[in-house]
Amino acid sequence: MQEILLGVKSGETSIQEALAQLACFPYEELGFAKIDHHRTLRRGFPEVIFGPGKTPEQVAAIAETLASNSKKVLVTKVGPAHFEAVQQRLPDARYDSVAHVIIVNRAKKAKPRPGIIVVCGGTADIPVAEEAALTAELMDNAVERSWDIGVAGMHRLLSTLPRLREAKVIVAVAGMEGALPSVVSGLVAAPVIAVPTSVGYGASFGGLAALLAMLNNCASGVSVVNIDNGFGAGYLAALINR
């Protein structure tokens, strides 16, 4: 709303264009989805598209609609087929094949806020960790990364400790036994966001063992998001850093 009014005042937006934009508030009906154009006003960041369960055509239609009213679009947990459909409608979309996310960013480049570090226990955890990092970066944060510093080799974690102690918020991503966030939190003053991943052997039950370990950790200042929810962790880290 504020952006529309400022656009009218500056002459960049006509009254007719402003009315057309306001007409789709608070949501726009697509039949298979209701697009929440007020999300930016309420939360400071647009609605994000969760890809699984949606066809490439549905994702593309939602992304195009969001892009018509927002300068940023984020689609999570998708593959190349979804990206191809989105790119046909939004040629400036880009796909990160590691994090499996689609990003459109037409916003003016802002000076990123430092303070977030994303770490992960093993290489297999990188896709979820990168999803968290890219989400926080899209929300105008500078993000440091440190991969493969799990507790199986404590010297790797300890070598990163000086950087971790400078962070304002840390995202710690781990599968297997999920011990990394608890250890990190015991060494730093910053809040730690724990992300369990589905990486692990049979008894990890697709990340349930790591989730329960993180929920039961004895270190103070740890919050836990759901299994493989890198987006949720990156979003929360950005809010804390803001």
C-alpha atoms as a PDB file:
ATOM      1  CA  MET A   1       0.000   0.000   0.000  1.00  0.00           C
ATOM      2  CA  GLN A   2       2.701   2.467   1.020  1.00  0.00           C
ATOM      3  CA  GLU A   3       4.736   1.717  -2.133  1.00  0.00           C
ATOM      4  CA  ILE A   4       1.677   2.352  -4.311  1.00  0.00           C
ATOM      5  CA  LEU A   5       0.897   5.682  -2.640  1.00  0.00           C
ATOM      6  CA  LEU A   6       4.519   6.780  -2.908  1.00  0.00           C
ATOM      7  CA  GLY A   7       4.499   5.814  -6.575  1.00  0.00           C
ATOM      8  CA  VAL A   8       1.428   7.993  -7.213  1.00  0.00           C
ATOM      9  CA  LYS A   9       2.964  10.899  -5.307  1.00  0.00           C
ATOM     10  CA  SER A  10       6.217  10.726  -7.270  1.00  0.00           C
ATOM     11  CA  GLY A  11       4.430  10.384 -10.591  1.00  0.00           C
ATOM     12  CA  GLU A  12       5.857   6.927 -11.296  1.00  0.00           C
ATOM     13  CA  THR A  13       2.401   5.365 -10.914  1.00  0.00           C
ATOM     14  CA  SER A  14      -0.839   6.761 -12.308  1.00  0.00           C
ATOM     15  CA  ILE A  15      -4.048   6.791 -10.295  1.00  0.00           C
ATOM     16  CA  GLN A  16      -5.498   4.188 -12.663  1.00  0.00           C
ATOM     17  CA  GLU A  17      -2.481   1.907 -12.155  1.00  0.00           C
ATOM     18  CA  ALA A  18      -2.720   2.345  -8.402  1.00  0.00           C
ATOM     19  CA  LEU A  19      -6.399   1.409  -8.428  1.00  0.00           C
ATOM     20  CA  ALA A  20      -5.633  -1.667 -10.525  1.00  0.00           C
ATOM     21  CA  GLN A  21      -3.008  -2.779  -8.008  1.00  0.00           C
ATOM     22  CA  LEU A  22      -5.273  -2.118  -5.018  1.00  0.00           C
ATOM     23  CA  ALA A  23      -8.076  -4.092  -6.672  1.00  0.00           C
ATOM     24  CA  CYS A  24      -6.243  -7.387  -6.134  1.00  0.00           C
ATOM     25  CA  PHE A  25      -5.839  -6.814  -2.402  1.00  0.00           C
ATOM     26  CA  PRO A  26      -5.955  -8.568  -0.027  1.00  0.00           C
ATOM     27  CA  TYR A  27      -5.632 -11.612  -2.298  1.00  0.00           C
ATOM     28  CA  GLU A  28      -6.010 -12.597  -5.929  1.00  0.00           C
ATOM     29  CA  GLU A  29      -8.077 -15.609  -6.896  1.00  0.00           C
ATOM     30  CA  LEU A  30      -6.516 -18.017  -9.421  1.00  0.00           C
ATOM     31  CA  GLY A  31      -8.998 -20.843  -8.907  1.00  0.00           C
ATOM     32  CA  PHE A  32      -6.390 -23.298  -7.617  1.00  0.00           C
ATOM     33  CA  ALA A  33      -4.664 -20.715  -5.389  1.00  0.00           C
ATOM     34  CA  LYS A  34      -5.371 -17.475  -3.569  1.00  0.00           C
ATOM     35  CA  ILE A  35      -2.364 -15.182  -3.892  1.00  0.00           C
ATOM     36  CA  ASP A  36      -1.701 -13.112  -0.762  1.00  0.00           C
ATOM     37  CA  HIS A  37      -0.484  -9.750  -2.048  1.00  0.00           C
ATOM     38  CA  HIS A  38      -0.668  -8.225   1.438  1.00  0.00           C
ATOM     39  CA  ARG A  39       2.061 -10.500   2.814  1.00  0.00           C
ATOM     40  CA  THR A  40       4.763  -7.893   2.209  1.00  0.00           C
ATOM     41  CA  LEU A  41       2.781  -5.261   4.105  1.00  0.00           C
ATOM     42  CA  ARG A  42       2.255  -7.575   7.077  1.00  0.00           C
ATOM     43  CA  ARG A  43       5.571  -9.425   7.182  1.00  0.00           C
ATOM     44  CA  GLY A  44       8.046  -7.361   5.182  1.00  0.00           C
ATOM     45  CA  PHE A  45       8.534 -10.120   2.583  1.00  0.00           C
ATOM     46  CA  PRO A  46       6.242 -11.538  -0.126  1.00  0.00           C
ATOM     47  CA  GLU A  47       4.428 -14.849  -0.021  1.00  0.00           C
ATOM     48  CA  VAL A  48       6.781 -17.743  -0.804  1.00  0.00           C
ATOM     49  CA  ILE A  49       5.776 -20.639  -3.068  1.00  0.00           C
ATOM     50  CA  PHE A  50       6.188 -24.157  -1.672  1.00  0.00           C
ATOM     51  CA  GLY A  51       6.756 -26.248  -4.780  1.00  0.00           C
ATOM     52  CA  PRO A  52       5.987 -29.888  -3.840  1.00  0.00           C
ATOM     53  CA  GLY A  53       2.476 -30.979  -4.782  1.00  0.00           C
ATOM     54  CA  LYS A  54       2.111 -28.232  -7.386  1.00  0.00           C
ATOM     55  CA  THR A  55       2.443 -28.787 -11.129  1.00  0.00           C
ATOM     56  CA  PRO A  56       4.999 -26.743 -13.087  1.00  0.00           C
ATOM     57  CA  GLU A  57       2.130 -24.818 -14.681  1.00  0.00           C
ATOM     58  CA  GLN A  58       0.603 -23.984 -11.288  1.00  0.00           C
ATOM     59  CA  VAL A  59       3.931 -22.817  -9.900  1.00  0.00           C
ATOM     60  CA  ALA A  60       4.541 -20.691 -12.989  1.00  0.00           C
ATOM     61  CA  ALA A  61       1.111 -19.057 -12.791  1.00  0.00           C
ATOM     62  CA  ILE A  62       1.541 -18.265  -9.083  1.00  0.00           C
ATOM     63  CA  ALA A  63       5.055 -16.920  -9.634  1.00  0.00           C
ATOM     64  CA  GLU A  64       3.912 -14.690 -12.492  1.00  0.00           C
ATOM     65  CA  THR A  65       1.059 -13.307 -10.388  1.00  0.00           C
ATOM     66  CA  LEU A  66       3.329 -12.616  -7.427  1.00  0.00           C
ATOM     67  CA  ALA A  67       5.891 -10.941  -9.693  1.00  0.00           C
ATOM     68  CA  SER A  68       3.230  -8.567 -10.995  1.00  0.00           C
ATOM     69  CA  ASN A  69       2.900  -7.049  -7.520  1.00  0.00           C
ATOM     70  CA  SER A  70       6.249  -7.773  -5.899  1.00  0.00           C
ATOM     71  CA  LYS A  71       9.869  -7.310  -6.891  1.00  0.00           C
ATOM     72  CA  LYS A  72      10.906 -10.599  -5.275  1.00  0.00           C
ATOM     73  CA  VAL A  73       9.702 -14.160  -5.828  1.00  0.00           C
ATOM     74  CA  LEU A  74      10.976 -17.294  -4.107  1.00  0.00           C
ATOM     75  CA  VAL A  75       9.947 -20.866  -4.961  1.00  0.00           C
ATOM     76  CA  THR A  76      11.272 -23.711  -2.796  1.00  0.00           C
ATOM     77  CA  LYS A  77      11.766 -27.469  -3.233  1.00  0.00           C
ATOM     78  CA  VAL A  78      11.415 -27.603  -7.021  1.00  0.00           C
ATOM     79  CA  GLY A  79      13.211 -29.195  -9.963  1.00  0.00           C
ATOM     80  CA  PRO A  80      14.199 -28.192 -13.507  1.00  0.00           C
ATOM     81  CA  ALA A  81      10.706 -28.800 -14.930  1.00  0.00           C
ATOM     82  CA  HIS A  82       9.214 -26.192 -12.603  1.00  0.00           C
ATOM     83  CA  PHE A  83      12.002 -23.771 -13.463  1.00  0.00           C
ATOM     84  CA  GLU A  84      11.447 -24.176 -17.204  1.00  0.00           C
ATOM     85  CA  ALA A  85       7.759 -23.351 -16.774  1.00  0.00           C
ATOM     86  CA  VAL A  86       8.516 -20.320 -14.613  1.00  0.00           C
ATOM     87  CA  GLN A  87      11.237 -19.017 -16.940  1.00  0.00           C
ATOM     88  CA  GLN A  88       8.841 -19.035 -19.884  1.00  0.00           C
ATOM     89  CA  ARG A  89       6.753 -16.437 -18.034  1.00  0.00           C
ATOM     90  CA  LEU A  90       9.557 -14.750 -16.088  1.00  0.00           C
ATOM     91  CA  PRO A  91      12.742 -14.766 -18.212  1.00  0.00           C
ATOM     92  CA  ASP A  92      14.800 -13.173 -15.431  1.00  0.00           C
ATOM     93  CA  ALA A  93      14.121 -16.054 -13.036  1.00  0.00           C
ATOM     94  CA  ARG A  94      17.151 -18.066 -11.973  1.00  0.00           C
ATOM     95  CA  TYR A  95      17.415 -21.586 -10.587  1.00  0.00           C
ATOM     96  CA  ASP A  96      19.788 -22.853  -7.920  1.00  0.00           C
ATOM     97  CA  SER A  97      20.289 -26.552  -8.584  1.00  0.00           C
ATOM     98  CA  VAL A  98      21.877 -27.142  -5.167  1.00  0.00           C
ATOM     99  CA  ALA A  99      19.142 -25.577  -3.029  1.00  0.00           C
ATOM    100  CA  HIS A 100      16.385 -26.456  -5.530  1.00  0.00           C
ATOM    101  CA  VAL A 101      14.922 -22.951  -5.417  1.00  0.00           C
ATOM    102  CA  ILE A 102      13.783 -20.448  -8.036  1.00  0.00           C
ATOM    103  CA  ILE A 103      14.496 -16.774  -7.405  1.00  0.00           C
ATOM    104  CA  VAL A 104      13.319 -13.594  -9.066  1.00  0.00           C
ATOM    105  CA  ASN A 105      14.839 -10.398  -7.678  1.00  0.00           C
ATOM    106  CA  ARG A 106      13.971  -7.098  -9.336  1.00  0.00           C
ATOM    107  CA  ALA A 107      14.481  -4.957  -6.252  1.00  0.00           C
ATOM    108  CA  LYS A 108      17.040  -2.203  -6.116  1.00  0.00           C
ATOM    109  CA  LYS A 109      20.244  -3.549  -4.671  1.00  0.00           C
ATOM    110  CA  ALA A 110      20.286  -2.803  -0.949  1.00  0.00           C
ATOM    111  CA  LYS A 111      23.296  -2.844   1.322  1.00  0.00           C
ATOM    112  CA  PRO A 112      23.120  -6.310   2.914  1.00  0.00           C
ATOM    113  CA  ARG A 113      22.975  -6.581   6.690  1.00  0.00           C
ATOM    114  CA  PRO A 114      25.875  -8.652   8.075  1.00  0.00           C
ATOM    115  CA  GLY A 115      25.427 -11.003  10.995  1.00  0.00           C
ATOM    116  CA  ILE A 116      24.148 -14.374   9.731  1.00  0.00           C
ATOM    117  CA  ILE A 117      26.245 -17.519   9.453  1.00  0.00           C
ATOM    118  CA  VAL A 118      24.856 -20.789   8.094  1.00  0.00           C
ATOM    119  CA  VAL A 119      26.740 -23.967   8.991  1.00  0.00           C
ATOM    120  CA  CYS A 120      26.068 -27.612   8.264  1.00  0.00           C
ATOM    121  CA  GLY A 121      27.283 -30.904   9.646  1.00  0.00           C
ATOM    122  CA  GLY A 122      28.070 -32.711   6.402  1.00  0.00           C
ATOM    123  CA  THR A 123      28.181 -32.266   2.650  1.00  0.00           C
ATOM    124  CA  ALA A 124      24.853 -34.093   2.297  1.00  0.00           C
ATOM    125  CA  ASP A 125      23.229 -31.313   4.351  1.00  0.00           C
ATOM    126  CA  ILE A 126      24.306 -28.552   1.945  1.00  0.00           C
ATOM    127  CA  PRO A 127      21.054 -28.411  -0.102  1.00  0.00           C
ATOM    128  CA  VAL A 128      19.006 -27.525   2.991  1.00  0.00           C
ATOM    129  CA  ALA A 129      21.706 -25.201   4.317  1.00  0.00           C
ATOM    130  CA  GLU A 130      21.946 -23.402   0.967  1.00  0.00           C
ATOM    131  CA  GLU A 131      18.166 -22.982   0.916  1.00  0.00           C
ATOM    132  CA  ALA A 132      18.459 -21.188   4.260  1.00  0.00           C
ATOM    133  CA  ALA A 133      21.339 -19.021   3.051  1.00  0.00           C
ATOM    134  CA  LEU A 134      19.644 -17.989  -0.195  1.00  0.00           C
ATOM    135  CA  THR A 135      16.426 -17.134   1.639  1.00  0.00           C
ATOM    136  CA  ALA A 136      18.261 -14.859   4.070  1.00  0.00           C
ATOM    137  CA  GLU A 137      20.195 -13.251   1.209  1.00  0.00           C
ATOM    138  CA  LEU A 138      16.996 -12.528  -0.709  1.00  0.00           C
ATOM    139  CA  MET A 139      15.813 -10.758   2.454  1.00  0.00           C
ATOM    140  CA  ASP A 140      18.805  -8.389   2.157  1.00  0.00           C
ATOM    141  CA  ASN A 141      21.274 -10.078   4.476  1.00  0.00           C
ATOM    142  CA  ALA A 142      24.943 -10.893   3.970  1.00  0.00           C
ATOM    143  CA  VAL A 143      25.359 -14.593   4.752  1.00  0.00           C
ATOM    144  CA  GLU A 144      28.546 -16.448   5.578  1.00  0.00           C
ATOM    145  CA  ARG A 145      28.695 -20.189   4.927  1.00  0.00           C
ATOM    146  CA  SER A 146      30.710 -22.960   6.564  1.00  0.00           C
ATOM    147  CA  TRP A 147      30.067 -26.498   5.342  1.00  0.00           C
ATOM    148  CA  ASP A 148      31.040 -29.923   6.666  1.00  0.00           C
ATOM    149  CA  ILE A 149      31.944 -29.022  10.245  1.00  0.00           C
ATOM    150  CA  GLY A 150      30.031 -31.809  11.991  1.00  0.00           C
ATOM    151  CA  VAL A 151      30.859 -33.133  15.444  1.00  0.00           C
ATOM    152  CA  ALA A 152      32.564 -36.239  14.017  1.00  0.00           C
ATOM    153  CA  GLY A 153      35.588 -33.971  13.568  1.00  0.00           C
ATOM    154  CA  MET A 154      35.444 -31.325  16.308  1.00  0.00           C
ATOM    155  CA  HIS A 155      38.631 -29.640  15.124  1.00  0.00           C
ATOM    156  CA  ARG A 156      36.764 -28.497  11.997  1.00  0.00           C
ATOM    157  CA  LEU A 157      34.103 -26.809  14.113  1.00  0.00           C
ATOM    158  CA  LEU A 158      36.620 -25.261  16.491  1.00  0.00           C
ATOM    159  CA  SER A 159      38.574 -23.748  13.604  1.00  0.00           C
ATOM    160  CA  THR A 160      35.383 -21.867  12.647  1.00  0.00           C
ATOM    161  CA  LEU A 161      34.665 -20.697  16.214  1.00  0.00           C
ATOM    162  CA  PRO A 162      36.123 -17.149  15.912  1.00  0.00           C
ATOM    163  CA  ARG A 163      33.752 -16.412  13.021  1.00  0.00           C
ATOM    164  CA  LEU A 164      30.796 -17.999  14.805  1.00  0.00           C
ATOM    165  CA  ARG A 165      31.344 -15.809  17.853  1.00  0.00           C
ATOM    166  CA  GLU A 166      31.009 -12.690  15.698  1.00  0.00           C
ATOM    167  CA  ALA A 167      27.603 -13.720  14.343  1.00  0.00           C
ATOM    168  CA  LYS A 168      24.308 -12.185  15.423  1.00  0.00           C
ATOM    169  CA  VAL A 169      22.403 -15.360  14.535  1.00  0.00           C
ATOM    170  CA  ILE A 170      23.537 -18.820  13.431  1.00  0.00           C
ATOM    171  CA  VAL A 171      21.668 -21.414  11.394  1.00  0.00           C
ATOM    172  CA  ALA A 172      22.984 -24.910  12.155  1.00  0.00           C
ATOM    173  CA  VAL A 173      21.896 -27.657   9.763  1.00  0.00           C
ATOM    174  CA  ALA A 174      22.514 -31.328  10.513  1.00  0.00           C
ATOM    175  CA  GLY A 175      21.170 -34.811   9.960  1.00  0.00           C
ATOM    176  CA  MET A 176      22.324 -38.100  11.513  1.00  0.00           C
ATOM    177  CA  GLU A 177      22.199 -37.604  15.313  1.00  0.00           C
ATOM    178  CA  GLY A 178      21.609 -33.840  15.010  1.00  0.00           C
ATOM    179  CA  ALA A 179      24.215 -32.831  17.606  1.00  0.00           C
ATOM    180  CA  LEU A 180      25.704 -29.819  15.797  1.00  0.00           C
ATOM    181  CA  PRO A 181      23.279 -27.056  16.979  1.00  0.00           C
ATOM    182  CA  SER A 182      23.616 -28.037  20.624  1.00  0.00           C
ATOM    183  CA  VAL A 183      27.424 -27.976  20.454  1.00  0.00           C
ATOM    184  CA  VAL A 184      27.473 -24.670  18.574  1.00  0.00           C
ATOM    185  CA  SER A 185      25.062 -23.038  21.014  1.00  0.00           C
ATOM    186  CA  GLY A 186      27.241 -24.064  23.936  1.00  0.00           C
ATOM    187  CA  LEU A 187      30.148 -22.124  22.429  1.00  0.00           C
ATOM    188  CA  VAL A 188      28.541 -18.855  21.288  1.00  0.00           C
ATOM    189  CA  ALA A 189      26.340 -16.048  22.620  1.00  0.00           C
ATOM    190  CA  ALA A 190      24.144 -15.654  19.521  1.00  0.00           C
ATOM    191  CA  PRO A 191      20.802 -17.435  19.067  1.00  0.00           C
ATOM    192  CA  VAL A 192      21.030 -20.668  17.086  1.00  0.00           C
ATOM    193  CA  ILE A 193      18.363 -21.909  14.697  1.00  0.00           C
ATOM    194  CA  ALA A 194      18.560 -25.693  14.417  1.00  0.00           C
ATOM    195  CA  VAL A 195      17.536 -27.405  11.185  1.00  0.00           C
ATOM    196  CA  PRO A 196      17.243 -31.215  11.182  1.00  0.00           C
ATOM    197  CA  THR A 197      17.697 -32.861   7.797  1.00  0.00           C
ATOM    198  CA  SER A 198      16.471 -36.191   6.498  1.00  0.00           C
ATOM    199  CA  VAL A 199      20.088 -37.311   5.994  1.00  0.00           C
ATOM    200  CA  GLY A 200      21.022 -40.443   7.922  1.00  0.00           C
ATOM    201  CA  TYR A 201      20.861 -44.216   8.192  1.00  0.00           C
ATOM    202  CA  GLY A 202      17.649 -46.187   8.740  1.00  0.00           C
ATOM    203  CA  ALA A 203      17.246 -45.477  12.446  1.00  0.00           C
ATOM    204  CA  SER A 204      17.277 -41.746  11.754  1.00  0.00           C
ATOM    205  CA  PHE A 205      13.716 -42.233  10.454  1.00  0.00           C
ATOM    206  CA  GLY A 206      14.027 -39.599   7.747  1.00  0.00           C
ATOM    207  CA  GLY A 207      15.273 -36.891  10.105  1.00  0.00           C
ATOM    208  CA  LEU A 208      12.986 -37.643  13.062  1.00  0.00           C
ATOM    209  CA  ALA A 209      15.953 -38.683  15.244  1.00  0.00           C
ATOM    210  CA  ALA A 210      17.748 -35.389  14.507  1.00  0.00           C
ATOM    211  CA  LEU A 211      14.554 -33.397  15.125  1.00  0.00           C
ATOM    212  CA  LEU A 212      13.980 -35.003  18.526  1.00  0.00           C
ATOM    213  CA  ALA A 213      17.637 -34.570  19.481  1.00  0.00           C
ATOM    214  CA  MET A 214      17.478 -30.862  18.640  1.00  0.00           C
ATOM    215  CA  LEU A 215      14.215 -30.401  20.540  1.00  0.00           C
ATOM    216  CA  ASN A 216      15.771 -32.092  23.564  1.00  0.00           C
ATOM    217  CA  ASN A 217      19.117 -30.294  23.474  1.00  0.00           C
ATOM    218  CA  CYS A 218      20.336 -28.847  26.772  1.00  0.00           C
ATOM    219  CA  ALA A 219      21.934 -25.674  25.373  1.00  0.00           C
ATOM    220  CA  SER A 220      20.047 -22.421  25.885  1.00  0.00           C
ATOM    221  CA  GLY A 221      19.074 -20.151  23.027  1.00  0.00           C
ATOM    222  CA  VAL A 222      18.252 -22.817  20.425  1.00  0.00           C
ATOM    223  CA  SER A 223      15.081 -22.777  18.331  1.00  0.00           C
ATOM    224  CA  VAL A 224      14.176 -25.656  16.030  1.00  0.00           C
ATOM    225  CA  VAL A 225      12.401 -25.693  12.676  1.00  0.00           C
ATOM    226  CA  ASN A 226      10.956 -28.687  10.874  1.00  0.00           C
ATOM    227  CA  ILE A 227      12.856 -31.390   8.994  1.00  0.00           C
ATOM    228  CA  ASP A 228      14.568 -30.047   5.841  1.00  0.00           C
ATOM    229  CA  ASN A 229      13.009 -26.603   6.405  1.00  0.00           C
ATOM    230  CA  GLY A 230      15.943 -24.484   5.279  1.00  0.00           C
ATOM    231  CA  PHE A 231      13.579 -21.768   4.087  1.00  0.00           C
ATOM    232  CA  GLY A 232      11.976 -21.427   7.527  1.00  0.00           C
ATOM    233  CA  ALA A 233      15.367 -21.164   9.187  1.00  0.00           C
ATOM    234  CA  GLY A 234      16.659 -18.563   6.734  1.00  0.00           C
ATOM    235  CA  TYR A 235      13.473 -16.519   7.095  1.00  0.00           C
ATOM    236  CA  LEU A 236      13.658 -16.595  10.903  1.00  0.00           C
ATOM    237  CA  ALA A 237      17.355 -15.690  10.853  1.00  0.00           C
ATOM    238  CA  ALA A 238      16.577 -12.693   8.645  1.00  0.00           C
ATOM    239  CA  LEU A 239      13.858 -11.513  11.050  1.00  0.00           C
ATOM    240  CA  ILE A 240      16.209 -11.835  14.026  1.00  0.00           C
ATOM    241  CA  ASN A 241      19.010 -10.034  12.164  1.00  0.00           C
ATOM    242  CA  ARG A 242      16.611  -7.256  11.149  1.00  0.00           C
END
